[in-house]
C-alpha atoms as a PDB file:
ATOM      1  CA  UNK A   1     126.100  98.976 179.551  1.00  0.00           C
ATOM      2  CA  UNK A   2     125.822  95.405 180.789  1.00  0.00           C
ATOM      3  CA  UNK A   3     123.572  93.063 178.834  1.00  0.00           C
ATOM      4  CA  UNK A   4     122.795  89.391 178.591  1.00  0.00           C
ATOM      5  CA  UNK A   5     123.227  87.941 175.129  1.00  0.00           C
ATOM      6  CA  UNK A   6     120.632  85.570 173.761  1.00  0.00           C
ATOM      7  CA  UNK A   7     121.427  82.203 172.230  1.00  0.00           C
ATOM      8  CA  UNK A   8     123.509  82.588 169.059  1.00  0.00           C
ATOM      9  CA  UNK A   9     124.339  86.249 169.716  1.00  0.00           C
ATOM     10  CA  UNK A  10     127.750  87.871 169.844  1.00  0.00           C
ATOM     11  CA  UNK A  11     129.089  91.422 170.124  1.00  0.00           C
ATOM     12  CA  UNK A  12     131.310  92.795 167.344  1.00  0.00           C
ATOM     13  CA  UNK A  13     133.609  95.808 167.538  1.00  0.00           C
ATOM     14  CA  UNK A  14     132.869  98.237 164.681  1.00  0.00           C
ATOM     15  CA  UNK A  15     136.271  99.939 164.766  1.00  0.00           C
ATOM     16  CA  UNK A  16     134.702 103.397 165.137  1.00  0.00           C
ATOM     17  CA  UNK A  17     134.505 105.445 168.356  1.00  0.00           C
ATOM     18  CA  UNK A  18     134.439 102.220 170.363  1.00  0.00           C
ATOM     19  CA  UNK A  19     130.987 101.365 168.990  1.00  0.00           C
ATOM     20  CA  UNK A  20     129.815  97.761 169.015  1.00  0.00           C
ATOM     21  CA  UNK A  21     126.888  95.854 167.579  1.00  0.00           C
ATOM     22  CA  UNK A  22     124.990  92.721 168.525  1.00  0.00           C
ATOM     23  CA  UNK A  23     124.874  90.057 165.826  1.00  0.00           C
ATOM     24  CA  UNK A  24     123.195  86.655 165.707  1.00  0.00           C
ATOM     25  CA  UNK A  25     124.823  83.887 163.676  1.00  0.00           C
ATOM     26  CA  UNK A  26     121.396  82.337 163.098  1.00  0.00           C
ATOM     27  CA  UNK A  27     120.000  85.531 161.541  1.00  0.00           C
ATOM     28  CA  UNK A  28     121.252  87.849 158.793  1.00  0.00           C
ATOM     29  CA  UNK A  29     124.563  89.497 159.749  1.00  0.00           C
ATOM     30  CA  UNK A  30     125.836  92.690 158.124  1.00  0.00           C
ATOM     31  CA  UNK A  31     128.476  92.553 155.404  1.00  0.00           C
ATOM     32  CA  UNK A  32     130.779  94.815 153.446  1.00  0.00           C
ATOM     33  CA  UNK A  33     127.847  96.361 151.561  1.00  0.00           C
ATOM     34  CA  UNK A  34     126.607  98.057 154.745  1.00  0.00           C
ATOM     35  CA  UNK A  35     130.088  99.360 155.551  1.00  0.00           C
ATOM     36  CA  UNK A  36     130.553 100.742 152.028  1.00  0.00           C
ATOM     37  CA  UNK A  37     127.125 102.387 151.969  1.00  0.00           C
ATOM     38  CA  UNK A  38     127.699 104.068 155.329  1.00  0.00           C
ATOM     39  CA  UNK A  39     130.869 105.639 153.882  1.00  0.00           C
ATOM     40  CA  UNK A  40     129.311 106.569 150.529  1.00  0.00           C
ATOM     41  CA  UNK A  41     126.343 108.366 152.107  1.00  0.00           C
ATOM     42  CA  UNK A  42     126.785 111.832 153.602  1.00  0.00           C
ATOM     43  CA  UNK A  43     124.926 113.612 156.381  1.00  0.00           C
ATOM     44  CA  UNK A  44     125.027 117.286 157.323  1.00  0.00           C
ATOM     45  CA  UNK A  45     124.443 118.800 160.774  1.00  0.00           C
ATOM     46  CA  UNK A  46     120.757 118.942 161.660  1.00  0.00           C
ATOM     47  CA  UNK A  47     119.662 116.475 158.983  1.00  0.00           C
ATOM     48  CA  UNK A  48     117.263 113.610 159.686  1.00  0.00           C
ATOM     49  CA  UNK A  49     118.079 110.223 158.180  1.00  0.00           C
ATOM     50  CA  UNK A  50     115.793 107.236 157.592  1.00  0.00           C
ATOM     51  CA  UNK A  51     117.391 103.839 156.994  1.00  0.00           C
ATOM     52  CA  UNK A  52     114.933 101.493 155.270  1.00  0.00           C
ATOM     53  CA  UNK A  53     115.396  97.790 156.025  1.00  0.00           C
ATOM     54  CA  UNK A  54     117.841  98.592 158.806  1.00  0.00           C
ATOM     55  CA  UNK A  55     118.187  95.027 160.064  1.00  0.00           C
ATOM     56  CA  UNK A  56     120.197  95.179 163.275  1.00  0.00           C
ATOM     57  CA  UNK A  57     120.872  98.910 162.832  1.00  0.00           C
ATOM     58  CA  UNK A  58     124.364  98.720 161.387  1.00  0.00           C
ATOM     59  CA  UNK A  59     124.026 101.598 158.902  1.00  0.00           C
ATOM     60  CA  UNK A  60     122.642 104.238 161.329  1.00  0.00           C
ATOM     61  CA  UNK A  61     125.245 103.268 163.946  1.00  0.00           C
ATOM     62  CA  UNK A  62     128.146 103.453 161.476  1.00  0.00           C
ATOM     63  CA  UNK A  63     126.878 106.682 159.917  1.00  0.00           C
ATOM     64  CA  UNK A  64     126.587 108.348 163.308  1.00  0.00           C
ATOM     65  CA  UNK A  65     130.136 107.260 164.111  1.00  0.00           C
ATOM     66  CA  UNK A  66     131.568 108.493 160.810  1.00  0.00           C
ATOM     67  CA  UNK A  67     129.623 111.758 160.503  1.00  0.00           C
ATOM     68  CA  UNK A  68     129.226 112.691 164.165  1.00  0.00           C
ATOM     69  CA  UNK A  69     126.078 114.611 163.284  1.00  0.00           C
ATOM     70  CA  UNK A  70     122.469 114.117 162.241  1.00  0.00           C
ATOM     71  CA  UNK A  71     119.660 112.096 163.791  1.00  0.00           C
ATOM     72  CA  UNK A  72     118.667 108.645 162.590  1.00  0.00           C
ATOM     73  CA  UNK A  73     115.659 106.353 162.403  1.00  0.00           C
ATOM     74  CA  UNK A  74     116.042 102.707 161.469  1.00  0.00           C
ATOM     75  CA  UNK A  75     112.982 101.019 159.968  1.00  0.00           C
ATOM     76  CA  UNK A  76     112.481  97.286 159.577  1.00  0.00           C
ATOM     77  CA  UNK A  77     109.499  94.955 159.334  1.00  0.00           C
ATOM     78  CA  UNK A  78     111.126  92.188 161.405  1.00  0.00           C
ATOM     79  CA  UNK A  79     110.502  92.555 165.132  1.00  0.00           C
ATOM     80  CA  UNK A  80     113.459  90.364 166.060  1.00  0.00           C
ATOM     81  CA  UNK A  81     115.851  92.587 164.090  1.00  0.00           C
ATOM     82  CA  UNK A  82     114.485  95.796 165.585  1.00  0.00           C
ATOM     83  CA  UNK A  83     114.669  94.363 169.101  1.00  0.00           C
ATOM     84  CA  UNK A  84     118.344  93.538 168.551  1.00  0.00           C
ATOM     85  CA  UNK A  85     118.976  96.957 166.999  1.00  0.00           C
ATOM     86  CA  UNK A  86     117.410  98.707 170.001  1.00  0.00           C
ATOM     87  CA  UNK A  87     119.792  96.844 172.302  1.00  0.00           C
ATOM     88  CA  UNK A  88     122.781  97.778 170.115  1.00  0.00           C
ATOM     89  CA  UNK A  89     121.767 101.441 170.202  1.00  0.00           C
ATOM     90  CA  UNK A  90     121.540 101.272 173.999  1.00  0.00           C
ATOM     91  CA  UNK A  91     124.851  99.398 174.194  1.00  0.00           C
ATOM     92  CA  UNK A  92     126.523 102.409 172.565  1.00  0.00           C
ATOM     93  CA  UNK A  93     124.552 105.029 174.510  1.00  0.00           C
ATOM     94  CA  UNK A  94     122.998 106.448 171.333  1.00  0.00           C
ATOM     95  CA  UNK A  95     119.340 106.566 172.351  1.00  0.00           C
ATOM     96  CA  UNK A  96     119.234 110.352 171.871  1.00  0.00           C
ATOM     97  CA  UNK A  97     120.582 110.079 168.297  1.00  0.00           C
ATOM     98  CA  UNK A  98     119.165 106.836 166.885  1.00  0.00           C
ATOM     99  CA  UNK A  99     115.634 105.456 167.128  1.00  0.00           C
ATOM    100  CA  UNK A 100     114.304 102.164 165.782  1.00  0.00           C
ATOM    101  CA  UNK A 101     110.827 101.508 164.423  1.00  0.00           C
ATOM    102  CA  UNK A 102     109.228  98.184 163.493  1.00  0.00           C
ATOM    103  CA  UNK A 103     107.161  99.164 160.466  1.00  0.00           C
ATOM    104  CA  UNK A 104     106.296  98.171 156.913  1.00  0.00           C
ATOM    105  CA  UNK A 105     107.989 100.589 154.509  1.00  0.00           C
ATOM    106  CA  UNK A 106     104.639 101.057 152.748  1.00  0.00           C
ATOM    107  CA  UNK A 107     103.360 102.738 155.940  1.00  0.00           C
ATOM    108  CA  UNK A 108     106.366 105.047 156.380  1.00  0.00           C
ATOM    109  CA  UNK A 109     104.887 108.220 154.890  1.00  0.00           C
ATOM    110  CA  UNK A 110     101.717 107.906 156.942  1.00  0.00           C
ATOM    111  CA  UNK A 111     103.648 107.147 160.143  1.00  0.00           C
ATOM    112  CA  UNK A 112     106.424 109.753 159.846  1.00  0.00           C
ATOM    113  CA  UNK A 113     104.675 112.231 157.574  1.00  0.00           C
ATOM    114  CA  UNK A 114     105.499 113.166 153.983  1.00  0.00           C
ATOM    115  CA  UNK A 115     108.757 115.053 153.378  1.00  0.00           C
ATOM    116  CA  UNK A 116     110.061 114.275 156.874  1.00  0.00           C
ATOM    117  CA  UNK A 117     113.686 113.396 156.089  1.00  0.00           C
ATOM    118  CA  UNK A 118     116.609 114.999 154.300  1.00  0.00           C
ATOM    119  CA  UNK A 119     118.347 111.661 153.730  1.00  0.00           C
ATOM    120  CA  UNK A 120     117.169 108.098 153.104  1.00  0.00           C
ATOM    121  CA  UNK A 121     119.521 105.106 152.974  1.00  0.00           C
ATOM    122  CA  UNK A 122     118.832 101.479 152.144  1.00  0.00           C
ATOM    123  CA  UNK A 123     120.649  98.181 151.728  1.00  0.00           C
ATOM    124  CA  UNK A 124     117.639  96.320 150.319  1.00  0.00           C
ATOM    125  CA  UNK A 125     117.052  92.684 149.365  1.00  0.00           C
ATOM    126  CA  UNK A 126     118.957  92.156 146.138  1.00  0.00           C
ATOM    127  CA  UNK A 127     116.925  89.290 144.713  1.00  0.00           C
ATOM    128  CA  UNK A 128     113.347  89.161 143.498  1.00  0.00           C
ATOM    129  CA  UNK A 129     111.224  86.193 144.505  1.00  0.00           C
ATOM    130  CA  UNK A 130     112.272  84.513 141.243  1.00  0.00           C
ATOM    131  CA  UNK A 131     116.052  84.902 141.686  1.00  0.00           C
ATOM    132  CA  UNK A 132     117.945  81.923 143.056  1.00  0.00           C
ATOM    133  CA  UNK A 133     117.088  79.721 146.023  1.00  0.00           C
ATOM    134  CA  UNK A 134     115.261  81.281 148.957  1.00  0.00           C
ATOM    135  CA  UNK A 135     116.921  80.630 152.319  1.00  0.00           C
ATOM    136  CA  UNK A 136     114.797  78.326 154.507  1.00  0.00           C
ATOM    137  CA  UNK A 137     115.490  80.560 157.542  1.00  0.00           C
ATOM    138  CA  UNK A 138     112.938  83.393 157.385  1.00  0.00           C
ATOM    139  CA  UNK A 139     115.135  86.280 158.682  1.00  0.00           C
ATOM    140  CA  UNK A 140     117.794  85.544 156.069  1.00  0.00           C
ATOM    141  CA  UNK A 141     115.214  84.994 153.342  1.00  0.00           C
ATOM    142  CA  UNK A 142     113.544  88.361 154.020  1.00  0.00           C
ATOM    143  CA  UNK A 143     116.924  90.126 154.009  1.00  0.00           C
ATOM    144  CA  UNK A 144     118.006  88.613 150.681  1.00  0.00           C
ATOM    145  CA  UNK A 145     114.789  88.224 148.682  1.00  0.00           C
ATOM    146  CA  UNK A 146     111.929  90.658 148.046  1.00  0.00           C
ATOM    147  CA  UNK A 147     109.426  88.736 150.164  1.00  0.00           C
ATOM    148  CA  UNK A 148     108.069  91.625 152.269  1.00  0.00           C
ATOM    149  CA  UNK A 149     108.734  94.561 149.965  1.00  0.00           C
ATOM    150  CA  UNK A 150     109.950  95.142 146.427  1.00  0.00           C
ATOM    151  CA  UNK A 151     112.502  97.550 145.010  1.00  0.00           C
ATOM    152  CA  UNK A 152     109.583  99.631 143.752  1.00  0.00           C
ATOM    153  CA  UNK A 153     108.035  99.734 147.244  1.00  0.00           C
ATOM    154  CA  UNK A 154     111.299 101.101 148.634  1.00  0.00           C
ATOM    155  CA  UNK A 155     111.780 103.741 145.941  1.00  0.00           C
ATOM    156  CA  UNK A 156     108.168 104.906 145.972  1.00  0.00           C
ATOM    157  CA  UNK A 157     108.078 105.335 149.736  1.00  0.00           C
ATOM    158  CA  UNK A 158     111.586 106.774 149.985  1.00  0.00           C
ATOM    159  CA  UNK A 159     110.439 109.498 147.609  1.00  0.00           C
ATOM    160  CA  UNK A 160     107.375 110.167 149.750  1.00  0.00           C
ATOM    161  CA  UNK A 161     109.290 110.682 152.998  1.00  0.00           C
ATOM    162  CA  UNK A 162     112.128 112.695 151.428  1.00  0.00           C
ATOM    163  CA  UNK A 163     112.040 116.468 151.340  1.00  0.00           C
ATOM    164  CA  UNK A 164     112.488 118.149 147.963  1.00  0.00           C
ATOM    165  CA  UNK A 165     116.185 117.931 147.025  1.00  0.00           C
ATOM    166  CA  UNK A 166     116.643 115.313 149.724  1.00  0.00           C
ATOM    167  CA  UNK A 167     119.263 112.624 149.056  1.00  0.00           C
ATOM    168  CA  UNK A 168     118.699 108.896 148.568  1.00  0.00           C
ATOM    169  CA  UNK A 169     121.547 106.387 148.946  1.00  0.00           C
ATOM    170  CA  UNK A 170     121.437 102.724 148.022  1.00  0.00           C
ATOM    171  CA  UNK A 171     123.746  99.750 147.526  1.00  0.00           C
ATOM    172  CA  UNK A 172     122.583  97.059 145.114  1.00  0.00           C
ATOM    173  CA  UNK A 173     123.718  94.563 142.472  1.00  0.00           C
ATOM    174  CA  UNK A 174     124.800  95.759 139.011  1.00  0.00           C
ATOM    175  CA  UNK A 175     122.662  93.188 137.198  1.00  0.00           C
ATOM    176  CA  UNK A 176     119.555  95.176 138.200  1.00  0.00           C
ATOM    177  CA  UNK A 177     120.993  98.600 137.353  1.00  0.00           C
ATOM    178  CA  UNK A 178     118.753  99.278 134.328  1.00  0.00           C
ATOM    179  CA  UNK A 179     115.641  98.514 136.407  1.00  0.00           C
ATOM    180  CA  UNK A 180     116.959 100.624 139.287  1.00  0.00           C
ATOM    181  CA  UNK A 181     117.594 103.663 137.075  1.00  0.00           C
ATOM    182  CA  UNK A 182     114.168 103.492 135.427  1.00  0.00           C
ATOM    183  CA  UNK A 183     112.316 103.187 138.721  1.00  0.00           C
ATOM    184  CA  UNK A 184     114.366 105.872 140.455  1.00  0.00           C
ATOM    185  CA  UNK A 185     113.440 108.352 137.717  1.00  0.00           C
ATOM    186  CA  UNK A 186     109.811 107.202 137.879  1.00  0.00           C
ATOM    187  CA  UNK A 187     109.676 108.308 141.532  1.00  0.00           C
ATOM    188  CA  UNK A 188     111.598 111.572 140.936  1.00  0.00           C
ATOM    189  CA  UNK A 189     114.808 110.233 142.464  1.00  0.00           C
ATOM    190  CA  UNK A 190     117.296 111.505 139.914  1.00  0.00           C
ATOM    191  CA  UNK A 191     120.592 109.522 139.881  1.00  0.00           C
ATOM    192  CA  UNK A 192     123.539 111.818 140.614  1.00  0.00           C
ATOM    193  CA  UNK A 193     126.478 109.608 141.617  1.00  0.00           C
ATOM    194  CA  UNK A 194     127.219 105.992 140.733  1.00  0.00           C
ATOM    195  CA  UNK A 195     130.226 104.028 141.952  1.00  0.00           C
ATOM    196  CA  UNK A 196     130.884 100.401 141.049  1.00  0.00           C
ATOM    197  CA  UNK A 197     132.513  98.086 143.587  1.00  0.00           C
ATOM    198  CA  UNK A 198     134.975  95.440 142.388  1.00  0.00           C
ATOM    199  CA  UNK A 199     136.589  92.667 144.423  1.00  0.00           C
ATOM    200  CA  UNK A 200     139.802  93.277 142.419  1.00  0.00           C
ATOM    201  CA  UNK A 201     140.827  95.659 139.678  1.00  0.00           C
ATOM    202  CA  UNK A 202     140.529  92.977 136.966  1.00  0.00           C
ATOM    203  CA  UNK A 203     137.130  91.633 138.083  1.00  0.00           C
ATOM    204  CA  UNK A 204     133.661  92.743 137.077  1.00  0.00           C
ATOM    205  CA  UNK A 205     131.738  94.755 139.696  1.00  0.00           C
ATOM    206  CA  UNK A 206     129.777  92.896 142.344  1.00  0.00           C
ATOM    207  CA  UNK A 207     128.032  95.923 143.877  1.00  0.00           C
ATOM    208  CA  UNK A 208     126.964  99.407 142.874  1.00  0.00           C
ATOM    209  CA  UNK A 209     126.566 102.466 145.118  1.00  0.00           C
ATOM    210  CA  UNK A 210     123.995 105.031 143.999  1.00  0.00           C
ATOM    211  CA  UNK A 211     123.126 108.549 145.166  1.00  0.00           C
ATOM    212  CA  UNK A 212     119.904 110.180 143.927  1.00  0.00           C
ATOM    213  CA  UNK A 213     118.493 113.661 144.440  1.00  0.00           C
ATOM    214  CA  UNK A 214     114.749 114.031 144.801  1.00  0.00           C
ATOM    215  CA  UNK A 215     113.532 116.444 142.140  1.00  0.00           C
ATOM    216  CA  UNK A 216     117.033 116.896 140.741  1.00  0.00           C
ATOM    217  CA  UNK A 217     117.947 117.613 137.140  1.00  0.00           C
ATOM    218  CA  UNK A 218     119.210 114.882 134.839  1.00  0.00           C
ATOM    219  CA  UNK A 219     122.990 114.666 135.242  1.00  0.00           C
ATOM    220  CA  UNK A 220     124.943 111.711 136.651  1.00  0.00           C
ATOM    221  CA  UNK A 221     128.622 111.280 137.560  1.00  0.00           C
ATOM    222  CA  UNK A 222     130.289 107.857 137.342  1.00  0.00           C
ATOM    223  CA  UNK A 223     132.928 107.867 140.057  1.00  0.00           C
ATOM    224  CA  UNK A 224     136.207 105.915 139.953  1.00  0.00           C
ATOM    225  CA  UNK A 225     135.716 102.239 140.843  1.00  0.00           C
ATOM    226  CA  UNK A 226     136.067 101.113 144.434  1.00  0.00           C
ATOM    227  CA  UNK A 227     138.450  98.145 144.670  1.00  0.00           C
ATOM    228  CA  UNK A 228     138.104  95.932 147.747  1.00  0.00           C
ATOM    229  CA  UNK A 229     141.281  93.835 147.692  1.00  0.00           C
ATOM    230  CA  UNK A 230     144.881  94.396 146.651  1.00  0.00           C
ATOM    231  CA  UNK A 231     146.194  92.530 143.601  1.00  0.00           C
ATOM    232  CA  UNK A 232     147.667  89.136 144.395  1.00  0.00           C
ATOM    233  CA  UNK A 233     146.358  89.158 147.976  1.00  0.00           C
ATOM    234  CA  UNK A 234     143.461  86.879 148.792  1.00  0.00           C
ATOM    235  CA  UNK A 235     142.061  88.914 151.671  1.00  0.00           C
ATOM    236  CA  UNK A 236     144.080  92.121 152.090  1.00  0.00           C
ATOM    237  CA  UNK A 237     141.874  95.195 151.818  1.00  0.00           C
ATOM    238  CA  UNK A 238     142.994  98.242 149.855  1.00  0.00           C
ATOM    239  CA  UNK A 239     143.869 101.289 151.929  1.00  0.00           C
ATOM    240  CA  UNK A 240     140.597 103.012 151.034  1.00  0.00           C
ATOM    241  CA  UNK A 241     138.557 100.073 152.269  1.00  0.00           C
ATOM    242  CA  UNK A 242     140.683  99.681 155.404  1.00  0.00           C
ATOM    243  CA  UNK A 243     139.849 103.280 156.282  1.00  0.00           C
ATOM    244  CA  UNK A 244     136.133 102.571 155.781  1.00  0.00           C
ATOM    245  CA  UNK A 245     136.418  99.710 158.275  1.00  0.00           C
ATOM    246  CA  UNK A 246     138.388 101.845 160.724  1.00  0.00           C
ATOM    247  CA  UNK A 247     141.484  99.661 160.354  1.00  0.00           C
ATOM    248  CA  UNK A 248     145.088 100.778 160.648  1.00  0.00           C
ATOM    249  CA  UNK A 249     147.037 101.235 157.376  1.00  0.00           C
ATOM    250  CA  UNK A 250     148.699  98.070 156.096  1.00  0.00           C
ATOM    251  CA  UNK A 251     152.400  97.982 156.974  1.00  0.00           C
END
């Protein structure tokens, strides 16, 4: 597909099945958290997946590439992000597998119907309105701070659109883990798997990956930590992370 890029846009190779994505340096670009979440989450044949706060559509595109099954809907409140995501979906010829919808998450159950999805994923804003300095550029501010929706909004509405025993996947920051666990249980999203992400083996975790089961029983597994970089190397990914990025093994 031929397309004309807008000012500030570029095309990035995703390292999977030749897929590419449009990014804008002036807006919020995807990071390692999206790549890790797309590997942590699982999809089975015939399952429908909703990605809340999809941004430019990175998680549905990567999940389709890695799982080669399922159908996906990306939801975001920002029209500019959805417009870019639609073009990325078309760029990869995935219109029959991935749809994008500009919508407030609080309207998701009414729009899609209750219990419409087997899987929900989200890479939400990590900071509340009271955490840190809000970026003066609105797209980045909305992506990083809970300006348009809160963690509770996401969990409440994820539970509504999930089928019973549907799976919920999220990446977040460990400093909010106690709040996350309490609110997940409140909305019948029972934590089942937790994996902490560390930059290096001797560093404290910077991210946490969580899988919940709607209506599940209380039992959680803490998986081995995911280490991003090799010891003594400033920017050399571990083999596990290289595979997640679709990179060749380090020689």
